[in-house]
Amino acid sequence: IVGVAGGATRAALTMHQARRNNMADVSAKDGSQ
């Protein structure tokens, strides 16, 4: 359940953080961190 909720909310927050249509880059760098 944590995996579903965490993954879904992480995607929603990535949409909020990405300001230059760079969701892939923001998500990839989050994975690196």
PDB file of all heavy atoms in Angstrom:
ATOM      1  N   ILE A   1       0.843  -1.197   0.000  1.00  0.00           N
ATOM      2  CA  ILE A   1       0.000   0.000   0.000  1.00  0.00           C
ATOM      3  C   ILE A   1       0.876   1.243   0.000  1.00  0.00           C
ATOM      4  O   ILE A   1       0.600   2.227  -0.700  1.00  0.00           O
ATOM      5  CB  ILE A   1      -0.946  -0.030   1.210  1.00  0.00           C
ATOM      6  CG1 ILE A   1      -1.970  -1.160   1.058  1.00  0.00           C
ATOM      7  CG2 ILE A   1      -1.658   1.315   1.380  1.00  0.00           C
ATOM      8  CD1 ILE A   1      -2.870  -1.340   2.266  1.00  0.00           C
ATOM      9  N   VAL A   2       1.956   1.184   0.778  1.00  0.00           N
ATOM     10  CA  VAL A   2       2.908   2.298   0.809  1.00  0.00           C
ATOM     11  C   VAL A   2       3.497   2.527  -0.583  1.00  0.00           C
ATOM     12  O   VAL A   2       3.655   3.673  -1.031  1.00  0.00           O
ATOM     13  CB  VAL A   2       4.030   2.011   1.822  1.00  0.00           C
ATOM     14  CG1 VAL A   2       5.171   3.014   1.672  1.00  0.00           C
ATOM     15  CG2 VAL A   2       3.482   2.052   3.235  1.00  0.00           C
ATOM     16  N   GLY A   3       3.814   1.442  -1.281  1.00  0.00           N
ATOM     17  CA  GLY A   3       4.372   1.578  -2.621  1.00  0.00           C
ATOM     18  C   GLY A   3       3.419   2.263  -3.586  1.00  0.00           C
ATOM     19  O   GLY A   3       3.832   3.123  -4.372  1.00  0.00           O
ATOM     20  N   VAL A   4       2.141   1.897  -3.516  1.00  0.00           N
ATOM     21  CA  VAL A   4       1.154   2.530  -4.395  1.00  0.00           C
ATOM     22  C   VAL A   4       0.979   4.005  -4.034  1.00  0.00           C
ATOM     23  O   VAL A   4       1.041   4.889  -4.899  1.00  0.00           O
ATOM     24  CB  VAL A   4      -0.201   1.791  -4.301  1.00  0.00           C
ATOM     25  CG1 VAL A   4      -1.266   2.530  -5.096  1.00  0.00           C
ATOM     26  CG2 VAL A   4      -0.062   0.372  -4.815  1.00  0.00           C
ATOM     27  N   ALA A   5       0.739   4.277  -2.741  1.00  0.00           N
ATOM     28  CA  ALA A   5       0.502   5.658  -2.317  1.00  0.00           C
ATOM     29  C   ALA A   5       1.744   6.525  -2.520  1.00  0.00           C
ATOM     30  O   ALA A   5       1.648   7.666  -2.995  1.00  0.00           O
ATOM     31  CB  ALA A   5       0.074   5.681  -0.852  1.00  0.00           C
ATOM     32  N   GLY A   6       2.915   5.983  -2.177  1.00  0.00           N
ATOM     33  CA  GLY A   6       4.141   6.760  -2.343  1.00  0.00           C
ATOM     34  C   GLY A   6       4.453   7.043  -3.800  1.00  0.00           C
ATOM     35  O   GLY A   6       4.827   8.166  -4.158  1.00  0.00           O
ATOM     36  N   GLY A   7       4.303   6.046  -4.665  1.00  0.00           N
ATOM     37  CA  GLY A   7       4.569   6.257  -6.082  1.00  0.00           C
ATOM     38  C   GLY A   7       3.597   7.227  -6.727  1.00  0.00           C
ATOM     39  O   GLY A   7       3.990   8.092  -7.517  1.00  0.00           O
ATOM     40  N   ALA A   8       2.304   7.106  -6.380  1.00  0.00           N
ATOM     41  CA  ALA A   8       1.297   7.987  -6.960  1.00  0.00           C
ATOM     42  C   ALA A   8       1.506   9.437  -6.519  1.00  0.00           C
ATOM     43  O   ALA A   8       1.434  10.366  -7.333  1.00  0.00           O
ATOM     44  CB  ALA A   8      -0.099   7.511  -6.574  1.00  0.00           C
ATOM     45  N   THR A   9       1.768   9.619  -5.232  1.00  0.00           N
ATOM     46  CA  THR A   9       1.956  10.991  -4.745  1.00  0.00           C
ATOM     47  C   THR A   9       3.277  11.570  -5.229  1.00  0.00           C
ATOM     48  O   THR A   9       3.377  12.778  -5.481  1.00  0.00           O
ATOM     49  CB  THR A   9       1.912  11.034  -3.211  1.00  0.00           C
ATOM     50  OG1 THR A   9       2.847  10.085  -2.667  1.00  0.00           O
ATOM     51  CG2 THR A   9       0.520  10.670  -2.711  1.00  0.00           C
ATOM     52  N   ARG A  10       4.299  10.740  -5.382  1.00  0.00           N
ATOM     53  CA  ARG A  10       5.570  11.234  -5.920  1.00  0.00           C
ATOM     54  C   ARG A  10       5.376  11.745  -7.344  1.00  0.00           C
ATOM     55  O   ARG A  10       5.945  12.787  -7.720  1.00  0.00           O
ATOM     56  CB  ARG A  10       6.604  10.103  -5.900  1.00  0.00           C
ATOM     57  CG  ARG A  10       7.965  10.463  -6.451  1.00  0.00           C
ATOM     58  CD  ARG A  10       8.655  11.520  -5.606  1.00  0.00           C
ATOM     59  NE  ARG A  10       8.698  12.791  -6.299  1.00  0.00           N
ATOM     60  CZ  ARG A  10       9.292  13.873  -5.842  1.00  0.00           C
ATOM     61  NH1 ARG A  10       9.895  13.855  -4.677  1.00  0.00           N
ATOM     62  NH2 ARG A  10       9.288  14.982  -6.532  1.00  0.00           N
ATOM     63  N   ALA A  11       4.559  11.049  -8.132  1.00  0.00           N
ATOM     64  CA  ALA A  11       4.276  11.515  -9.493  1.00  0.00           C
ATOM     65  C   ALA A  11       3.528  12.846  -9.467  1.00  0.00           C
ATOM     66  O   ALA A  11       3.822  13.750 -10.262  1.00  0.00           O
ATOM     67  CB  ALA A  11       3.461  10.457 -10.241  1.00  0.00           C
ATOM     68  N   ALA A  12       2.548  12.980  -8.552  1.00  0.00           N
ATOM     69  CA  ALA A  12       1.802  14.236  -8.452  1.00  0.00           C
ATOM     70  C   ALA A  12       2.710  15.380  -8.035  1.00  0.00           C
ATOM     71  O   ALA A  12       2.601  16.501  -8.558  1.00  0.00           O
ATOM     72  CB  ALA A  12       0.648  14.075  -7.454  1.00  0.00           C
ATOM     73  N   LEU A  13       3.629  15.124  -7.111  1.00  0.00           N
ATOM     74  CA  LEU A  13       4.543  16.170  -6.661  1.00  0.00           C
ATOM     75  C   LEU A  13       5.570  16.513  -7.736  1.00  0.00           C
ATOM     76  O   LEU A  13       6.007  17.663  -7.840  1.00  0.00           O
ATOM     77  CB  LEU A  13       5.242  15.733  -5.379  1.00  0.00           C
ATOM     78  CG  LEU A  13       4.325  15.537  -4.169  1.00  0.00           C
ATOM     79  CD1 LEU A  13       5.127  15.109  -2.951  1.00  0.00           C
ATOM     80  CD2 LEU A  13       3.541  16.808  -3.865  1.00  0.00           C
ATOM     81  N   THR A  14       5.957  15.533  -8.543  1.00  0.00           N
ATOM     82  CA  THR A  14       6.869  15.818  -9.651  1.00  0.00           C
ATOM     83  C   THR A  14       6.214  16.750 -10.662  1.00  0.00           C
ATOM     84  O   THR A  14       6.866  17.665 -11.194  1.00  0.00           O
ATOM     85  CB  THR A  14       7.299  14.507 -10.335  1.00  0.00           C
ATOM     86  OG1 THR A  14       7.949  13.663  -9.377  1.00  0.00           O
ATOM     87  CG2 THR A  14       8.254  14.773 -11.485  1.00  0.00           C
ATOM     88  N   MET A  15       4.935  16.550 -10.924  1.00  0.00           N
ATOM     89  CA  MET A  15       4.213  17.470 -11.811  1.00  0.00           C
ATOM     90  C   MET A  15       4.217  18.882 -11.247  1.00  0.00           C
ATOM     91  O   MET A  15       4.352  19.860 -11.987  1.00  0.00           O
ATOM     92  CB  MET A  15       2.768  16.992 -11.997  1.00  0.00           C
ATOM     93  CG  MET A  15       2.608  15.764 -12.843  1.00  0.00           C
ATOM     94  SD  MET A  15       0.876  15.309 -13.052  1.00  0.00           S
ATOM     95  CE  MET A  15       0.250  16.756 -13.906  1.00  0.00           C
ATOM     96  N   HIS A  16       4.081  19.003  -9.931  1.00  0.00           N
ATOM     97  CA  HIS A  16       4.111  20.324  -9.302  1.00  0.00           C
ATOM     98  C   HIS A  16       5.497  20.949  -9.390  1.00  0.00           C
ATOM     99  O   HIS A  16       5.630  22.152  -9.653  1.00  0.00           O
ATOM    100  CB  HIS A  16       3.677  20.194  -7.841  1.00  0.00           C
ATOM    101  CG  HIS A  16       4.153  21.303  -6.961  1.00  0.00           C
ATOM    102  ND1 HIS A  16       3.664  22.589  -7.047  1.00  0.00           N
ATOM    103  CD2 HIS A  16       5.100  21.327  -5.978  1.00  0.00           C
ATOM    104  CE1 HIS A  16       4.270  23.353  -6.158  1.00  0.00           C
ATOM    105  NE2 HIS A  16       5.147  22.613  -5.508  1.00  0.00           N
ATOM    106  N   GLN A  17       6.547  20.157  -9.199  1.00  0.00           N
ATOM    107  CA  GLN A  17       7.901  20.707  -9.155  1.00  0.00           C
ATOM    108  C   GLN A  17       8.444  21.064 -10.534  1.00  0.00           C
ATOM    109  O   GLN A  17       9.229  22.008 -10.667  1.00  0.00           O
ATOM    110  CB  GLN A  17       8.836  19.707  -8.478  1.00  0.00           C
ATOM    111  CG  GLN A  17       8.559  19.521  -6.992  1.00  0.00           C
ATOM    112  CD  GLN A  17       9.410  18.432  -6.376  1.00  0.00           C
ATOM    113  OE1 GLN A  17       9.828  17.490  -7.060  1.00  0.00           O
ATOM    114  NE2 GLN A  17       9.676  18.535  -5.082  1.00  0.00           N
ATOM    115  N   ALA A  18       8.059  20.317 -11.552  1.00  0.00           N
ATOM    116  CA  ALA A  18       8.597  20.538 -12.901  1.00  0.00           C
ATOM    117  C   ALA A  18       7.965  21.794 -13.505  1.00  0.00           C
ATOM    118  O   ALA A  18       6.758  21.870 -13.666  1.00  0.00           O
ATOM    119  CB  ALA A  18       8.331  19.327 -13.776  1.00  0.00           C
ATOM    120  N   ARG A  19       8.780  22.770 -13.871  1.00  0.00           N
ATOM    121  CA  ARG A  19       8.271  24.047 -14.381  1.00  0.00           C
ATOM    122  C   ARG A  19       8.637  24.309 -15.835  1.00  0.00           C
ATOM    123  O   ARG A  19       8.289  25.355 -16.374  1.00  0.00           O
ATOM    124  CB  ARG A  19       8.789  25.197 -13.510  1.00  0.00           C
ATOM    125  CG  ARG A  19       8.252  25.152 -12.078  1.00  0.00           C
ATOM    126  CD  ARG A  19       6.739  25.193 -12.095  1.00  0.00           C
ATOM    127  NE  ARG A  19       6.131  24.828 -10.842  1.00  0.00           N
ATOM    128  CZ  ARG A  19       5.766  25.700  -9.901  1.00  0.00           C
ATOM    129  NH1 ARG A  19       5.981  26.977 -10.077  1.00  0.00           N
ATOM    130  NH2 ARG A  19       5.189  25.280  -8.804  1.00  0.00           N
ATOM    131  N   ARG A  20       9.358  23.405 -16.454  1.00  0.00           N
ATOM    132  CA  ARG A  20       9.735  23.597 -17.866  1.00  0.00           C
ATOM    133  C   ARG A  20       9.436  22.341 -18.678  1.00  0.00           C
ATOM    134  O   ARG A  20      10.222  21.937 -19.523  1.00  0.00           O
ATOM    135  CB  ARG A  20      11.231  23.939 -17.977  1.00  0.00           C
ATOM    136  CG  ARG A  20      11.589  25.327 -17.468  1.00  0.00           C
ATOM    137  CD  ARG A  20      13.059  25.592 -17.692  1.00  0.00           C
ATOM    138  NE  ARG A  20      13.447  26.921 -17.253  1.00  0.00           N
ATOM    139  CZ  ARG A  20      14.699  27.362 -17.210  1.00  0.00           C
ATOM    140  NH1 ARG A  20      15.685  26.544 -17.568  1.00  0.00           N
ATOM    141  NH2 ARG A  20      14.973  28.583 -16.790  1.00  0.00           N
ATOM    142  N   ASN A  21       8.298  21.724 -18.383  1.00  0.00           N
ATOM    143  CA  ASN A  21       7.959  20.459 -19.047  1.00  0.00           C
ATOM    144  C   ASN A  21       9.101  19.451 -18.913  1.00  0.00           C
ATOM    145  O   ASN A  21       9.433  18.720 -19.851  1.00  0.00           O
ATOM    146  CB  ASN A  21       7.629  20.691 -20.530  1.00  0.00           C
ATOM    147  CG  ASN A  21       6.372  21.510 -20.718  1.00  0.00           C
ATOM    148  OD1 ASN A  21       5.407  21.349 -19.975  1.00  0.00           O
ATOM    149  ND2 ASN A  21       6.373  22.407 -21.691  1.00  0.00           N
ATOM    150  N   ASN A  22       9.718  19.430 -17.725  1.00  0.00           N
ATOM    151  CA  ASN A  22      10.890  18.580 -17.491  1.00  0.00           C
ATOM    152  C   ASN A  22      10.606  17.533 -16.423  1.00  0.00           C
ATOM    153  O   ASN A  22      11.442  17.265 -15.553  1.00  0.00           O
ATOM    154  CB  ASN A  22      12.089  19.437 -17.088  1.00  0.00           C
ATOM    155  CG  ASN A  22      11.812  20.306 -15.859  1.00  0.00           C
ATOM    156  OD1 ASN A  22      10.667  20.605 -15.529  1.00  0.00           O
ATOM    157  ND2 ASN A  22      12.869  20.715 -15.186  1.00  0.00           N
ATOM    158  N   MET A  23       9.407  16.946 -16.485  1.00  0.00           N
ATOM    159  CA  MET A  23       9.053  15.925 -15.499  1.00  0.00           C
ATOM    160  C   MET A  23      10.028  14.755 -15.509  1.00  0.00           C
ATOM    161  O   MET A  23      10.386  14.223 -14.451  1.00  0.00           O
ATOM    162  CB  MET A  23       7.636  15.419 -15.768  1.00  0.00           C
ATOM    163  CG  MET A  23       6.533  16.290 -15.214  1.00  0.00           C
ATOM    164  SD  MET A  23       4.929  15.489 -15.406  1.00  0.00           S
ATOM    165  CE  MET A  23       5.186  13.975 -14.492  1.00  0.00           C
ATOM    166  N   ALA A  24      10.458  14.332 -16.694  1.00  0.00           N
ATOM    167  CA  ALA A  24      11.373  13.198 -16.778  1.00  0.00           C
ATOM    168  C   ALA A  24      12.691  13.513 -16.082  1.00  0.00           C
ATOM    169  O   ALA A  24      13.235  12.677 -15.345  1.00  0.00           O
ATOM    170  CB  ALA A  24      11.610  12.827 -18.238  1.00  0.00           C
ATOM    171  N   ASP A  25      13.211  14.712 -16.304  1.00  0.00           N
ATOM    172  CA  ASP A  25      14.477  15.099 -15.687  1.00  0.00           C
ATOM    173  C   ASP A  25      14.336  15.199 -14.173  1.00  0.00           C
ATOM    174  O   ASP A  25      15.187  14.703 -13.422  1.00  0.00           O
ATOM    175  CB  ASP A  25      14.937  16.438 -16.269  1.00  0.00           C
ATOM    176  CG  ASP A  25      16.332  16.822 -15.798  1.00  0.00           C
ATOM    177  OD1 ASP A  25      17.122  15.916 -15.490  1.00  0.00           O
ATOM    178  OD2 ASP A  25      16.623  18.034 -15.738  1.00  0.00           O
ATOM    179  N   VAL A  26      13.260  15.829 -13.698  1.00  0.00           N
ATOM    180  CA  VAL A  26      13.038  15.962 -12.259  1.00  0.00           C
ATOM    181  C   VAL A  26      12.890  14.582 -11.618  1.00  0.00           C
ATOM    182  O   VAL A  26      13.458  14.308 -10.554  1.00  0.00           O
ATOM    183  CB  VAL A  26      11.792  16.830 -11.980  1.00  0.00           C
ATOM    184  CG1 VAL A  26      11.436  16.821 -10.492  1.00  0.00           C
ATOM    185  CG2 VAL A  26      12.022  18.262 -12.441  1.00  0.00           C
ATOM    186  N   SER A  27      12.143  13.700 -12.270  1.00  0.00           N
ATOM    187  CA  SER A  27      11.947  12.355 -11.736  1.00  0.00           C
ATOM    188  C   SER A  27      13.251  11.563 -11.731  1.00  0.00           C
ATOM    189  O   SER A  27      13.560  10.853 -10.763  1.00  0.00           O
ATOM    190  CB  SER A  27      10.882  11.621 -12.561  1.00  0.00           C
ATOM    191  OG  SER A  27      10.667  10.320 -12.077  1.00  0.00           O
ATOM    192  N   ALA A  28      14.043  11.693 -12.814  1.00  0.00           N
ATOM    193  CA  ALA A  28      15.309  10.960 -12.889  1.00  0.00           C
ATOM    194  C   ALA A  28      16.284  11.443 -11.818  1.00  0.00           C
ATOM    195  O   ALA A  28      16.960  10.626 -11.165  1.00  0.00           O
ATOM    196  CB  ALA A  28      15.922  11.135 -14.284  1.00  0.00           C
ATOM    197  N   LYS A  29      16.371  12.755 -11.629  1.00  0.00           N
ATOM    198  CA  LYS A  29      17.291  13.278 -10.616  1.00  0.00           C
ATOM    199  C   LYS A  29      16.803  12.931  -9.205  1.00  0.00           C
ATOM    200  O   LYS A  29      17.620  12.722  -8.298  1.00  0.00           O
ATOM    201  CB  LYS A  29      17.428  14.792 -10.778  1.00  0.00           C
ATOM    202  CG  LYS A  29      18.059  15.202 -12.094  1.00  0.00           C
ATOM    203  CD  LYS A  29      19.440  14.614 -12.277  1.00  0.00           C
ATOM    204  CE  LYS A  29      19.988  14.789 -13.681  1.00  0.00           C
ATOM    205  NZ  LYS A  29      20.080  16.173 -14.119  1.00  0.00           N
ATOM    206  N   ASP A  30      15.504  12.847  -9.001  1.00  0.00           N
ATOM    207  CA  ASP A  30      14.988  12.401  -7.711  1.00  0.00           C
ATOM    208  C   ASP A  30      15.412  10.950  -7.453  1.00  0.00           C
ATOM    209  O   ASP A  30      15.782  10.587  -6.338  1.00  0.00           O
ATOM    210  CB  ASP A  30      13.467  12.522  -7.688  1.00  0.00           C
ATOM    211  CG  ASP A  30      12.869  12.046  -6.373  1.00  0.00           C
ATOM    212  OD1 ASP A  30      13.096  12.698  -5.338  1.00  0.00           O
ATOM    213  OD2 ASP A  30      12.173  11.015  -6.370  1.00  0.00           O
ATOM    214  N   GLY A  31      15.369  10.145  -8.513  1.00  0.00           N
ATOM    215  CA  GLY A  31      15.836   8.771  -8.374  1.00  0.00           C
ATOM    216  C   GLY A  31      17.321   8.703  -8.043  1.00  0.00           C
ATOM    217  O   GLY A  31      17.754   7.868  -7.241  1.00  0.00           O
ATOM    218  N   SER A  32      18.119   9.598  -8.643  1.00  0.00           N
ATOM    219  CA  SER A  32      19.553   9.632  -8.338  1.00  0.00           C
ATOM    220  C   SER A  32      19.794  10.027  -6.888  1.00  0.00           C
ATOM    221  O   SER A  32      20.668   9.471  -6.211  1.00  0.00           O
ATOM    222  CB  SER A  32      20.261  10.617  -9.277  1.00  0.00           C
ATOM    223  OG  SER A  32      20.159  10.204 -10.621  1.00  0.00           O
ATOM    224  N   GLN A  33      19.024  10.997  -6.412  1.00  0.00           N
ATOM    225  CA  GLN A  33      19.165  11.412  -5.010  1.00  0.00           C
ATOM    226  C   GLN A  33      18.808  10.266  -4.071  1.00  0.00           C
ATOM    227  O   GLN A  33      19.505  10.021  -3.071  1.00  0.00           O
ATOM    228  CB  GLN A  33      18.267  12.618  -4.747  1.00  0.00           C
ATOM    229  CG  GLN A  33      18.669  13.874  -5.497  1.00  0.00           C
ATOM    230  CD  GLN A  33      17.603  14.957  -5.448  1.00  0.00           C
ATOM    231  OE1 GLN A  33      16.784  14.985  -4.536  1.00  0.00           O
ATOM    232  NE2 GLN A  33      17.607  15.838  -6.432  1.00  0.00           N
TER     233      GLN A  33
END
